[in-house]
Amino acid sequence: RKEHWMVHITGKWFNYGILLMVMLLDLNM
């Protein structure tokens, strides 16, 4: 651990990150 180390995922980016995964499948389609 370091003071400037932090893994923080906000709700909106988590949700739209899933949408981007779906976009990859839709792009393959």
Full PDB file with SEQRES, HELIX, SHEET, SSBOND, CRYST1, ORIGX, SCALE, CONECT and MASTER records, all heavy atoms in Angstrom:
SEQRES   1 A   29  ARG LYS GLU HIS TRP MET VAL HIS ILE THR GLY LYS TRP          
SEQRES   2 A   29  PHE ASN TYR GLY ILE LEU LEU MET VAL MET LEU LEU ASP          
SEQRES   3 A   29  LEU ASN MET                                                  
HELIX    1 AA1 GLY A   11  ASN A   28  1                                  18    
CRYST1    1.000    1.000    1.000  90.00  90.00  90.00 P 1           1          
ORIGX1      1.000000  0.000000  0.000000        0.00000                         
ORIGX2      0.000000  1.000000  0.000000        0.00000                         
ORIGX3      0.000000  0.000000  1.000000        0.00000                         
SCALE1      1.000000  0.000000  0.000000        0.00000                         
SCALE2      0.000000  1.000000  0.000000        0.00000                         
SCALE3      0.000000  0.000000  1.000000        0.00000                         
ATOM      1  N   ARG A   1       0.809  -1.209   0.000  1.00  0.00           N  
ATOM      2  CA  ARG A   1       0.000   0.000   0.000  1.00  0.00           C  
ATOM      3  C   ARG A   1       0.848   1.268   0.000  1.00  0.00           C  
ATOM      4  O   ARG A   1       1.812   1.382   0.725  1.00  0.00           O  
ATOM      5  CB  ARG A   1      -0.938  -0.008   1.214  1.00  0.00           C  
ATOM      6  CG  ARG A   1      -1.936   1.140   1.208  1.00  0.00           C  
ATOM      7  CD  ARG A   1      -2.873   1.031   2.387  1.00  0.00           C  
ATOM      8  NE  ARG A   1      -3.614  -0.226   2.344  1.00  0.00           N  
ATOM      9  CZ  ARG A   1      -4.368  -0.659   3.346  1.00  0.00           C  
ATOM     10  NH1 ARG A   1      -4.469   0.046   4.449  1.00  0.00           N  
ATOM     11  NH2 ARG A   1      -5.004  -1.801   3.225  1.00  0.00           N  
ATOM     12  N   LYS A   2       0.436   2.167  -0.836  1.00  0.00           N  
ATOM     13  CA  LYS A   2       0.997   3.512  -0.857  1.00  0.00           C  
ATOM     14  C   LYS A   2      -0.156   4.496  -0.749  1.00  0.00           C  
ATOM     15  O   LYS A   2      -1.283   4.188  -1.090  1.00  0.00           O  
ATOM     16  CB  LYS A   2       1.777   3.764  -2.154  1.00  0.00           C  
ATOM     17  CG  LYS A   2       2.929   2.791  -2.377  1.00  0.00           C  
ATOM     18  CD  LYS A   2       4.044   2.986  -1.390  1.00  0.00           C  
ATOM     19  CE  LYS A   2       5.196   2.033  -1.658  1.00  0.00           C  
ATOM     20  NZ  LYS A   2       6.284   2.167  -0.666  1.00  0.00           N  
ATOM     21  N   GLU A   3       0.156   5.696  -0.297  1.00  0.00           N  
ATOM     22  CA  GLU A   3      -0.917   6.666  -0.081  1.00  0.00           C  
ATOM     23  C   GLU A   3      -1.638   7.018  -1.381  1.00  0.00           C  
ATOM     24  O   GLU A   3      -2.831   7.272  -1.382  1.00  0.00           O  
ATOM     25  CB  GLU A   3      -0.336   7.931   0.553  1.00  0.00           C  
ATOM     26  CG  GLU A   3       0.121   7.725   1.994  1.00  0.00           C  
ATOM     27  CD  GLU A   3       0.598   9.029   2.606  1.00  0.00           C  
ATOM     28  OE1 GLU A   3       0.552  10.057   1.890  1.00  0.00           O  
ATOM     29  OE2 GLU A   3       1.001   9.024   3.780  1.00  0.00           O  
ATOM     30  N   HIS A   4      -0.921   7.028  -2.493  1.00  0.00           N  
ATOM     31  CA  HIS A   4      -1.538   7.452  -3.746  1.00  0.00           C  
ATOM     32  C   HIS A   4      -2.075   6.275  -4.548  1.00  0.00           C  
ATOM     33  O   HIS A   4      -2.498   6.453  -5.679  1.00  0.00           O  
ATOM     34  CB  HIS A   4      -0.522   8.224  -4.595  1.00  0.00           C  
ATOM     35  CG  HIS A   4       0.708   7.437  -4.940  1.00  0.00           C  
ATOM     36  ND1 HIS A   4       1.735   7.265  -4.057  1.00  0.00           N  
ATOM     37  CD2 HIS A   4       1.043   6.766  -6.067  1.00  0.00           C  
ATOM     38  CE1 HIS A   4       2.695   6.534  -4.618  1.00  0.00           C  
ATOM     39  NE2 HIS A   4       2.292   6.213  -5.846  1.00  0.00           N  
ATOM     40  N   TRP A   5      -2.057   5.067  -3.985  1.00  0.00           N  
ATOM     41  CA  TRP A   5      -2.608   3.914  -4.681  1.00  0.00           C  
ATOM     42  C   TRP A   5      -4.049   3.713  -4.251  1.00  0.00           C  
ATOM     43  O   TRP A   5      -4.339   3.561  -3.078  1.00  0.00           O  
ATOM     44  CB  TRP A   5      -1.800   2.666  -4.365  1.00  0.00           C  
ATOM     45  CG  TRP A   5      -0.482   2.613  -5.084  1.00  0.00           C  
ATOM     46  CD1 TRP A   5       0.113   3.628  -5.762  1.00  0.00           C  
ATOM     47  CD2 TRP A   5       0.397   1.486  -5.164  1.00  0.00           C  
ATOM     48  NE1 TRP A   5       1.311   3.220  -6.266  1.00  0.00           N  
ATOM     49  CE2 TRP A   5       1.521   1.915  -5.917  1.00  0.00           C  
ATOM     50  CE3 TRP A   5       0.371   0.193  -4.688  1.00  0.00           C  
ATOM     51  CZ2 TRP A   5       2.579   1.072  -6.201  1.00  0.00           C  
ATOM     52  CZ3 TRP A   5       1.429  -0.647  -4.967  1.00  0.00           C  
ATOM     53  CH2 TRP A   5       2.517  -0.214  -5.719  1.00  0.00           C  
ATOM     54  N   MET A   6      -4.952   3.691  -5.220  1.00  0.00           N  
ATOM     55  CA  MET A   6      -6.357   3.460  -4.896  1.00  0.00           C  
ATOM     56  C   MET A   6      -7.066   2.937  -6.137  1.00  0.00           C  
ATOM     57  O   MET A   6      -6.900   3.476  -7.228  1.00  0.00           O  
ATOM     58  CB  MET A   6      -7.035   4.744  -4.422  1.00  0.00           C  
ATOM     59  CG  MET A   6      -8.496   4.552  -4.027  1.00  0.00           C  
ATOM     60  SD  MET A   6      -9.240   6.077  -3.394  1.00  0.00           S  
ATOM     61  CE  MET A   6      -9.148   7.129  -4.847  1.00  0.00           C  
ATOM     62  N   VAL A   7      -7.827   1.860  -5.978  1.00  0.00           N  
ATOM     63  CA  VAL A   7      -8.631   1.311  -7.069  1.00  0.00           C  
ATOM     64  C   VAL A   7     -10.066   1.691  -6.788  1.00  0.00           C  
ATOM     65  O   VAL A   7     -10.696   1.171  -5.868  1.00  0.00           O  
ATOM     66  CB  VAL A   7      -8.470  -0.222  -7.165  1.00  0.00           C  
ATOM     67  CG1 VAL A   7      -9.312  -0.765  -8.313  1.00  0.00           C  
ATOM     68  CG2 VAL A   7      -7.008  -0.593  -7.358  1.00  0.00           C  
ATOM     69  N   HIS A   8     -10.598   2.623  -7.574  1.00  0.00           N  
ATOM     70  CA  HIS A   8     -11.921   3.182  -7.320  1.00  0.00           C  
ATOM     71  C   HIS A   8     -12.690   3.230  -8.633  1.00  0.00           C  
ATOM     72  O   HIS A   8     -12.280   3.899  -9.581  1.00  0.00           O  
ATOM     73  CB  HIS A   8     -11.779   4.593  -6.733  1.00  0.00           C  
ATOM     74  CG  HIS A   8     -13.087   5.234  -6.383  1.00  0.00           C  
ATOM     75  ND1 HIS A   8     -13.625   5.176  -5.115  1.00  0.00           N  
ATOM     76  CD2 HIS A   8     -13.969   5.945  -7.129  1.00  0.00           C  
ATOM     77  CE1 HIS A   8     -14.774   5.842  -5.091  1.00  0.00           C  
ATOM     78  NE2 HIS A   8     -15.007   6.310  -6.315  1.00  0.00           N  
ATOM     79  N   ILE A   9     -13.794   2.491  -8.715  1.00  0.00           N  
ATOM     80  CA  ILE A   9     -14.616   2.448  -9.925  1.00  0.00           C  
ATOM     81  C   ILE A   9     -15.986   3.011  -9.580  1.00  0.00           C  
ATOM     82  O   ILE A   9     -16.704   2.449  -8.753  1.00  0.00           O  
ATOM     83  CB  ILE A   9     -14.750   1.017 -10.469  1.00  0.00           C  
ATOM     84  CG1 ILE A   9     -13.358   0.406 -10.735  1.00  0.00           C  
ATOM     85  CG2 ILE A   9     -15.569   1.010 -11.754  1.00  0.00           C  
ATOM     86  CD1 ILE A   9     -13.411  -1.037 -11.171  1.00  0.00           C  
ATOM     87  N   THR A  10     -16.343   4.118 -10.207  1.00  0.00           N  
ATOM     88  CA  THR A  10     -17.635   4.741  -9.926  1.00  0.00           C  
ATOM     89  C   THR A  10     -18.744   3.997 -10.658  1.00  0.00           C  
ATOM     90  O   THR A  10     -18.509   3.278 -11.630  1.00  0.00           O  
ATOM     91  CB  THR A  10     -17.633   6.212 -10.367  1.00  0.00           C  
ATOM     92  OG1 THR A  10     -17.358   6.278 -11.767  1.00  0.00           O  
ATOM     93  CG2 THR A  10     -16.583   6.996  -9.603  1.00  0.00           C  
ATOM     94  N   GLY A  11     -19.966   4.221 -10.189  1.00  0.00           N  
ATOM     95  CA  GLY A  11     -21.106   3.516 -10.744  1.00  0.00           C  
ATOM     96  C   GLY A  11     -21.317   3.787 -12.219  1.00  0.00           C  
ATOM     97  O   GLY A  11     -21.575   2.874 -13.004  1.00  0.00           O  
ATOM     98  N   LYS A  12     -21.198   5.053 -12.634  1.00  0.00           N  
ATOM     99  CA  LYS A  12     -21.486   5.395 -14.030  1.00  0.00           C  
ATOM    100  C   LYS A  12     -20.464   4.784 -14.970  1.00  0.00           C  
ATOM    101  O   LYS A  12     -20.813   4.246 -16.027  1.00  0.00           O  
ATOM    102  CB  LYS A  12     -21.545   6.905 -14.188  1.00  0.00           C  
ATOM    103  CG  LYS A  12     -21.993   7.355 -15.568  1.00  0.00           C  
ATOM    104  CD  LYS A  12     -22.521   8.775 -15.545  1.00  0.00           C  
ATOM    105  CE  LYS A  12     -23.820   8.878 -14.803  1.00  0.00           C  
ATOM    106  NZ  LYS A  12     -24.482  10.189 -14.955  1.00  0.00           N  
ATOM    107  N   TRP A  13     -19.181   4.847 -14.624  1.00  0.00           N  
ATOM    108  CA  TRP A  13     -18.165   4.260 -15.488  1.00  0.00           C  
ATOM    109  C   TRP A  13     -18.251   2.743 -15.493  1.00  0.00           C  
ATOM    110  O   TRP A  13     -17.966   2.097 -16.495  1.00  0.00           O  
ATOM    111  CB  TRP A  13     -16.772   4.714 -15.055  1.00  0.00           C  
ATOM    112  CG  TRP A  13     -16.339   5.961 -15.766  1.00  0.00           C  
ATOM    113  CD1 TRP A  13     -16.220   7.210 -15.240  1.00  0.00           C  
ATOM    114  CD2 TRP A  13     -15.995   6.083 -17.150  1.00  0.00           C  
ATOM    115  NE1 TRP A  13     -15.828   8.105 -16.210  1.00  0.00           N  
ATOM    116  CE2 TRP A  13     -15.671   7.438 -17.391  1.00  0.00           C  
ATOM    117  CE3 TRP A  13     -15.930   5.189 -18.200  1.00  0.00           C  
ATOM    118  CZ2 TRP A  13     -15.285   7.906 -18.635  1.00  0.00           C  
ATOM    119  CZ3 TRP A  13     -15.546   5.648 -19.456  1.00  0.00           C  
ATOM    120  CH2 TRP A  13     -15.227   6.994 -19.652  1.00  0.00           C  
ATOM    121  N   PHE A  14     -18.654   2.145 -14.376  1.00  0.00           N  
ATOM    122  CA  PHE A  14     -18.838   0.696 -14.341  1.00  0.00           C  
ATOM    123  C   PHE A  14     -19.967   0.302 -15.294  1.00  0.00           C  
ATOM    124  O   PHE A  14     -19.844  -0.653 -16.072  1.00  0.00           O  
ATOM    125  CB  PHE A  14     -19.167   0.251 -12.917  1.00  0.00           C  
ATOM    126  CG  PHE A  14     -19.481  -1.216 -12.791  1.00  0.00           C  
ATOM    127  CD1 PHE A  14     -18.460  -2.143 -12.695  1.00  0.00           C  
ATOM    128  CD2 PHE A  14     -20.793  -1.663 -12.776  1.00  0.00           C  
ATOM    129  CE1 PHE A  14     -18.736  -3.504 -12.585  1.00  0.00           C  
ATOM    130  CE2 PHE A  14     -21.089  -3.006 -12.661  1.00  0.00           C  
ATOM    131  CZ  PHE A  14     -20.057  -3.929 -12.567  1.00  0.00           C  
ATOM    132  N   ASN A  15     -21.058   1.032 -15.253  1.00  0.00           N  
ATOM    133  CA  ASN A  15     -22.205   0.718 -16.099  1.00  0.00           C  
ATOM    134  C   ASN A  15     -21.883   0.902 -17.580  1.00  0.00           C  
ATOM    135  O   ASN A  15     -22.194   0.041 -18.414  1.00  0.00           O  
ATOM    136  CB  ASN A  15     -23.397   1.598 -15.713  1.00  0.00           C  
ATOM    137  CG  ASN A  15     -23.902   1.288 -14.318  1.00  0.00           C  
ATOM    138  OD1 ASN A  15     -23.802   0.166 -13.848  1.00  0.00           O  
ATOM    139  ND2 ASN A  15     -24.427   2.297 -13.639  1.00  0.00           N  
ATOM    140  N   TYR A  16     -21.272   2.024 -17.923  1.00  0.00           N  
ATOM    141  CA  TYR A  16     -20.965   2.259 -19.323  1.00  0.00           C  
ATOM    142  C   TYR A  16     -19.796   1.396 -19.801  1.00  0.00           C  
ATOM    143  O   TYR A  16     -19.642   1.168 -21.005  1.00  0.00           O  
ATOM    144  CB  TYR A  16     -20.678   3.739 -19.566  1.00  0.00           C  
ATOM    145  CG  TYR A  16     -21.935   4.581 -19.543  1.00  0.00           C  
ATOM    146  CD1 TYR A  16     -22.035   5.721 -18.750  1.00  0.00           C  
ATOM    147  CD2 TYR A  16     -23.044   4.213 -20.297  1.00  0.00           C  
ATOM    148  CE1 TYR A  16     -23.195   6.483 -18.729  1.00  0.00           C  
ATOM    149  CE2 TYR A  16     -24.203   4.961 -20.286  1.00  0.00           C  
ATOM    150  CZ  TYR A  16     -24.275   6.089 -19.492  1.00  0.00           C  
ATOM    151  OH  TYR A  16     -25.431   6.831 -19.470  1.00  0.00           O  
ATOM    152  N   GLY A  17     -18.970   0.919 -18.892  1.00  0.00           N  
ATOM    153  CA  GLY A  17     -17.941  -0.050 -19.269  1.00  0.00           C  
ATOM    154  C   GLY A  17     -18.563  -1.341 -19.763  1.00  0.00           C  
ATOM    155  O   GLY A  17     -18.098  -1.950 -20.741  1.00  0.00           O  
ATOM    156  N   ILE A  18     -19.644  -1.772 -19.109  1.00  0.00           N  
ATOM    157  CA  ILE A  18     -20.374  -2.955 -19.571  1.00  0.00           C  
ATOM    158  C   ILE A  18     -20.983  -2.699 -20.944  1.00  0.00           C  
ATOM    159  O   ILE A  18     -20.961  -3.571 -21.827  1.00  0.00           O  
ATOM    160  CB  ILE A  18     -21.458  -3.330 -18.548  1.00  0.00           C  
ATOM    161  CG1 ILE A  18     -20.810  -3.777 -17.237  1.00  0.00           C  
ATOM    162  CG2 ILE A  18     -22.378  -4.424 -19.094  1.00  0.00           C  
ATOM    163  CD1 ILE A  18     -21.792  -4.085 -16.134  1.00  0.00           C  
ATOM    164  N   LEU A  19     -21.513  -1.501 -21.151  1.00  0.00           N  
ATOM    165  CA  LEU A  19     -22.090  -1.163 -22.451  1.00  0.00           C  
ATOM    166  C   LEU A  19     -21.035  -1.218 -23.546  1.00  0.00           C  
ATOM    167  O   LEU A  19     -21.316  -1.663 -24.674  1.00  0.00           O  
ATOM    168  CB  LEU A  19     -22.719   0.229 -22.399  1.00  0.00           C  
ATOM    169  CG  LEU A  19     -23.329   0.757 -23.709  1.00  0.00           C  
ATOM    170  CD1 LEU A  19     -24.436  -0.176 -24.189  1.00  0.00           C  
ATOM    171  CD2 LEU A  19     -23.860   2.168 -23.525  1.00  0.00           C  
ATOM    172  N   LEU A  20     -19.814  -0.817 -23.249  1.00  0.00           N  
ATOM    173  CA  LEU A  20     -18.745  -0.876 -24.238  1.00  0.00           C  
ATOM    174  C   LEU A  20     -18.413  -2.319 -24.603  1.00  0.00           C  
ATOM    175  O   LEU A  20     -18.062  -2.621 -25.749  1.00  0.00           O  
ATOM    176  CB  LEU A  20     -17.506  -0.147 -23.723  1.00  0.00           C  
ATOM    177  CG  LEU A  20     -17.613   1.373 -23.663  1.00  0.00           C  
ATOM    178  CD1 LEU A  20     -16.419   1.969 -22.940  1.00  0.00           C  
ATOM    179  CD2 LEU A  20     -17.714   1.960 -25.066  1.00  0.00           C  
ATOM    180  N   MET A  21     -18.505  -3.243 -23.631  1.00  0.00           N  
ATOM    181  CA  MET A  21     -18.308  -4.662 -23.938  1.00  0.00           C  
ATOM    182  C   MET A  21     -19.387  -5.157 -24.896  1.00  0.00           C  
ATOM    183  O   MET A  21     -19.117  -5.928 -25.824  1.00  0.00           O  
ATOM    184  CB  MET A  21     -18.333  -5.487 -22.649  1.00  0.00           C  
ATOM    185  CG  MET A  21     -17.294  -5.102 -21.603  1.00  0.00           C  
ATOM    186  SD  MET A  21     -15.603  -5.254 -22.186  1.00  0.00           S  
ATOM    187  CE  MET A  21     -15.193  -3.530 -22.439  1.00  0.00           C  
ATOM    188  N   VAL A  22     -20.605  -4.715 -24.660  1.00  0.00           N  
ATOM    189  CA  VAL A  22     -21.712  -5.088 -25.549  1.00  0.00           C  
ATOM    190  C   VAL A  22     -21.476  -4.522 -26.946  1.00  0.00           C  
ATOM    191  O   VAL A  22     -21.781  -5.169 -27.952  1.00  0.00           O  
ATOM    192  CB  VAL A  22     -23.050  -4.600 -24.977  1.00  0.00           C  
ATOM    193  CG1 VAL A  22     -24.196  -4.879 -25.939  1.00  0.00           C  
ATOM    194  CG2 VAL A  22     -23.335  -5.266 -23.640  1.00  0.00           C  
ATOM    195  N   MET A  23     -20.911  -3.308 -27.017  1.00  0.00           N  
ATOM    196  CA  MET A  23     -20.635  -2.707 -28.316  1.00  0.00           C  
ATOM    197  C   MET A  23     -19.661  -3.559 -29.129  1.00  0.00           C  
ATOM    198  O   MET A  23     -19.774  -3.649 -30.357  1.00  0.00           O  
ATOM    199  CB  MET A  23     -20.056  -1.300 -28.139  1.00  0.00           C  
ATOM    200  CG  MET A  23     -21.080  -0.260 -27.736  1.00  0.00           C  
ATOM    201  SD  MET A  23     -20.311   1.380 -27.641  1.00  0.00           S  
ATOM    202  CE  MET A  23     -21.692   2.366 -27.073  1.00  0.00           C  
ATOM    203  N   LEU A  24     -18.694  -4.190 -28.458  1.00  0.00           N  
ATOM    204  CA  LEU A  24     -17.756  -5.058 -29.167  1.00  0.00           C  
ATOM    205  C   LEU A  24     -18.482  -6.240 -29.796  1.00  0.00           C  
ATOM    206  O   LEU A  24     -18.210  -6.618 -30.944  1.00  0.00           O  
ATOM    207  CB  LEU A  24     -16.668  -5.545 -28.206  1.00  0.00           C  
ATOM    208  CG  LEU A  24     -15.683  -4.505 -27.686  1.00  0.00           C  
ATOM    209  CD1 LEU A  24     -14.700  -5.150 -26.720  1.00  0.00           C  
ATOM    210  CD2 LEU A  24     -14.938  -3.848 -28.829  1.00  0.00           C  
ATOM    211  N   LEU A  25     -19.412  -6.847 -29.056  1.00  0.00           N  
ATOM    212  CA  LEU A  25     -20.201  -7.947 -29.606  1.00  0.00           C  
ATOM    213  C   LEU A  25     -21.104  -7.463 -30.741  1.00  0.00           C  
ATOM    214  O   LEU A  25     -21.253  -8.147 -31.757  1.00  0.00           O  
ATOM    215  CB  LEU A  25     -21.039  -8.597 -28.497  1.00  0.00           C  
ATOM    216  CG  LEU A  25     -20.255  -9.289 -27.377  1.00  0.00           C  
ATOM    217  CD1 LEU A  25     -21.194  -9.769 -26.279  1.00  0.00           C  
ATOM    218  CD2 LEU A  25     -19.452 -10.461 -27.928  1.00  0.00           C  
ATOM    219  N   ASP A  26     -21.702  -6.291 -30.565  1.00  0.00           N  
ATOM    220  CA  ASP A  26     -22.550  -5.736 -31.626  1.00  0.00           C  
ATOM    221  C   ASP A  26     -21.727  -5.389 -32.864  1.00  0.00           C  
ATOM    222  O   ASP A  26     -22.200  -5.542 -33.998  1.00  0.00           O  
ATOM    223  CB  ASP A  26     -23.282  -4.491 -31.121  1.00  0.00           C  
ATOM    224  CG  ASP A  26     -24.323  -4.816 -30.063  1.00  0.00           C  
ATOM    225  OD1 ASP A  26     -24.758  -5.986 -30.017  1.00  0.00           O  
ATOM    226  OD2 ASP A  26     -24.693  -3.926 -29.287  1.00  0.00           O  
ATOM    227  N   LEU A  27     -20.504  -4.926 -32.648  1.00  0.00           N  
ATOM    228  CA  LEU A  27     -19.627  -4.616 -33.781  1.00  0.00           C  
ATOM    229  C   LEU A  27     -19.264  -5.889 -34.540  1.00  0.00           C  
ATOM    230  O   LEU A  27     -19.194  -5.890 -35.775  1.00  0.00           O  
ATOM    231  CB  LEU A  27     -18.362  -3.912 -33.284  1.00  0.00           C  
ATOM    232  CG  LEU A  27     -17.405  -3.376 -34.349  1.00  0.00           C  
ATOM    233  CD1 LEU A  27     -18.091  -2.321 -35.194  1.00  0.00           C  
ATOM    234  CD2 LEU A  27     -16.145  -2.808 -33.704  1.00  0.00           C  
ATOM    235  N   ASN A  28     -19.021  -6.984 -33.811  1.00  0.00           N  
ATOM    236  CA  ASN A  28     -18.748  -8.264 -34.478  1.00  0.00           C  
ATOM    237  C   ASN A  28     -19.978  -8.741 -35.259  1.00  0.00           C  
ATOM    238  O   ASN A  28     -19.855  -9.274 -36.365  1.00  0.00           O  
ATOM    239  CB  ASN A  28     -18.357  -9.308 -33.436  1.00  0.00           C  
ATOM    240  CG  ASN A  28     -18.085 -10.663 -34.059  1.00  0.00           C  
ATOM    241  OD1 ASN A  28     -17.132 -10.852 -34.822  1.00  0.00           O  
ATOM    242  ND2 ASN A  28     -18.927 -11.632 -33.731  1.00  0.00           N  
ATOM    243  N   MET A  29     -21.162  -8.525 -34.692  1.00  0.00           N  
ATOM    244  CA  MET A  29     -22.390  -8.877 -35.396  1.00  0.00           C  
ATOM    245  C   MET A  29     -22.531  -8.053 -36.680  1.00  0.00           C  
ATOM    246  O   MET A  29     -22.910  -8.583 -37.732  1.00  0.00           O  
ATOM    247  CB  MET A  29     -23.590  -8.645 -34.483  1.00  0.00           C  
ATOM    248  CG  MET A  29     -24.933  -8.950 -35.105  1.00  0.00           C  
ATOM    249  SD  MET A  29     -25.237 -10.698 -35.352  1.00  0.00           S  
ATOM    250  CE  MET A  29     -25.583 -11.197 -33.650  1.00  0.00           C  
TER     251      MET A  29                                                      
MASTER        0    0    0    1    0    0    0    6  250    1    0    3          
END                                                                             
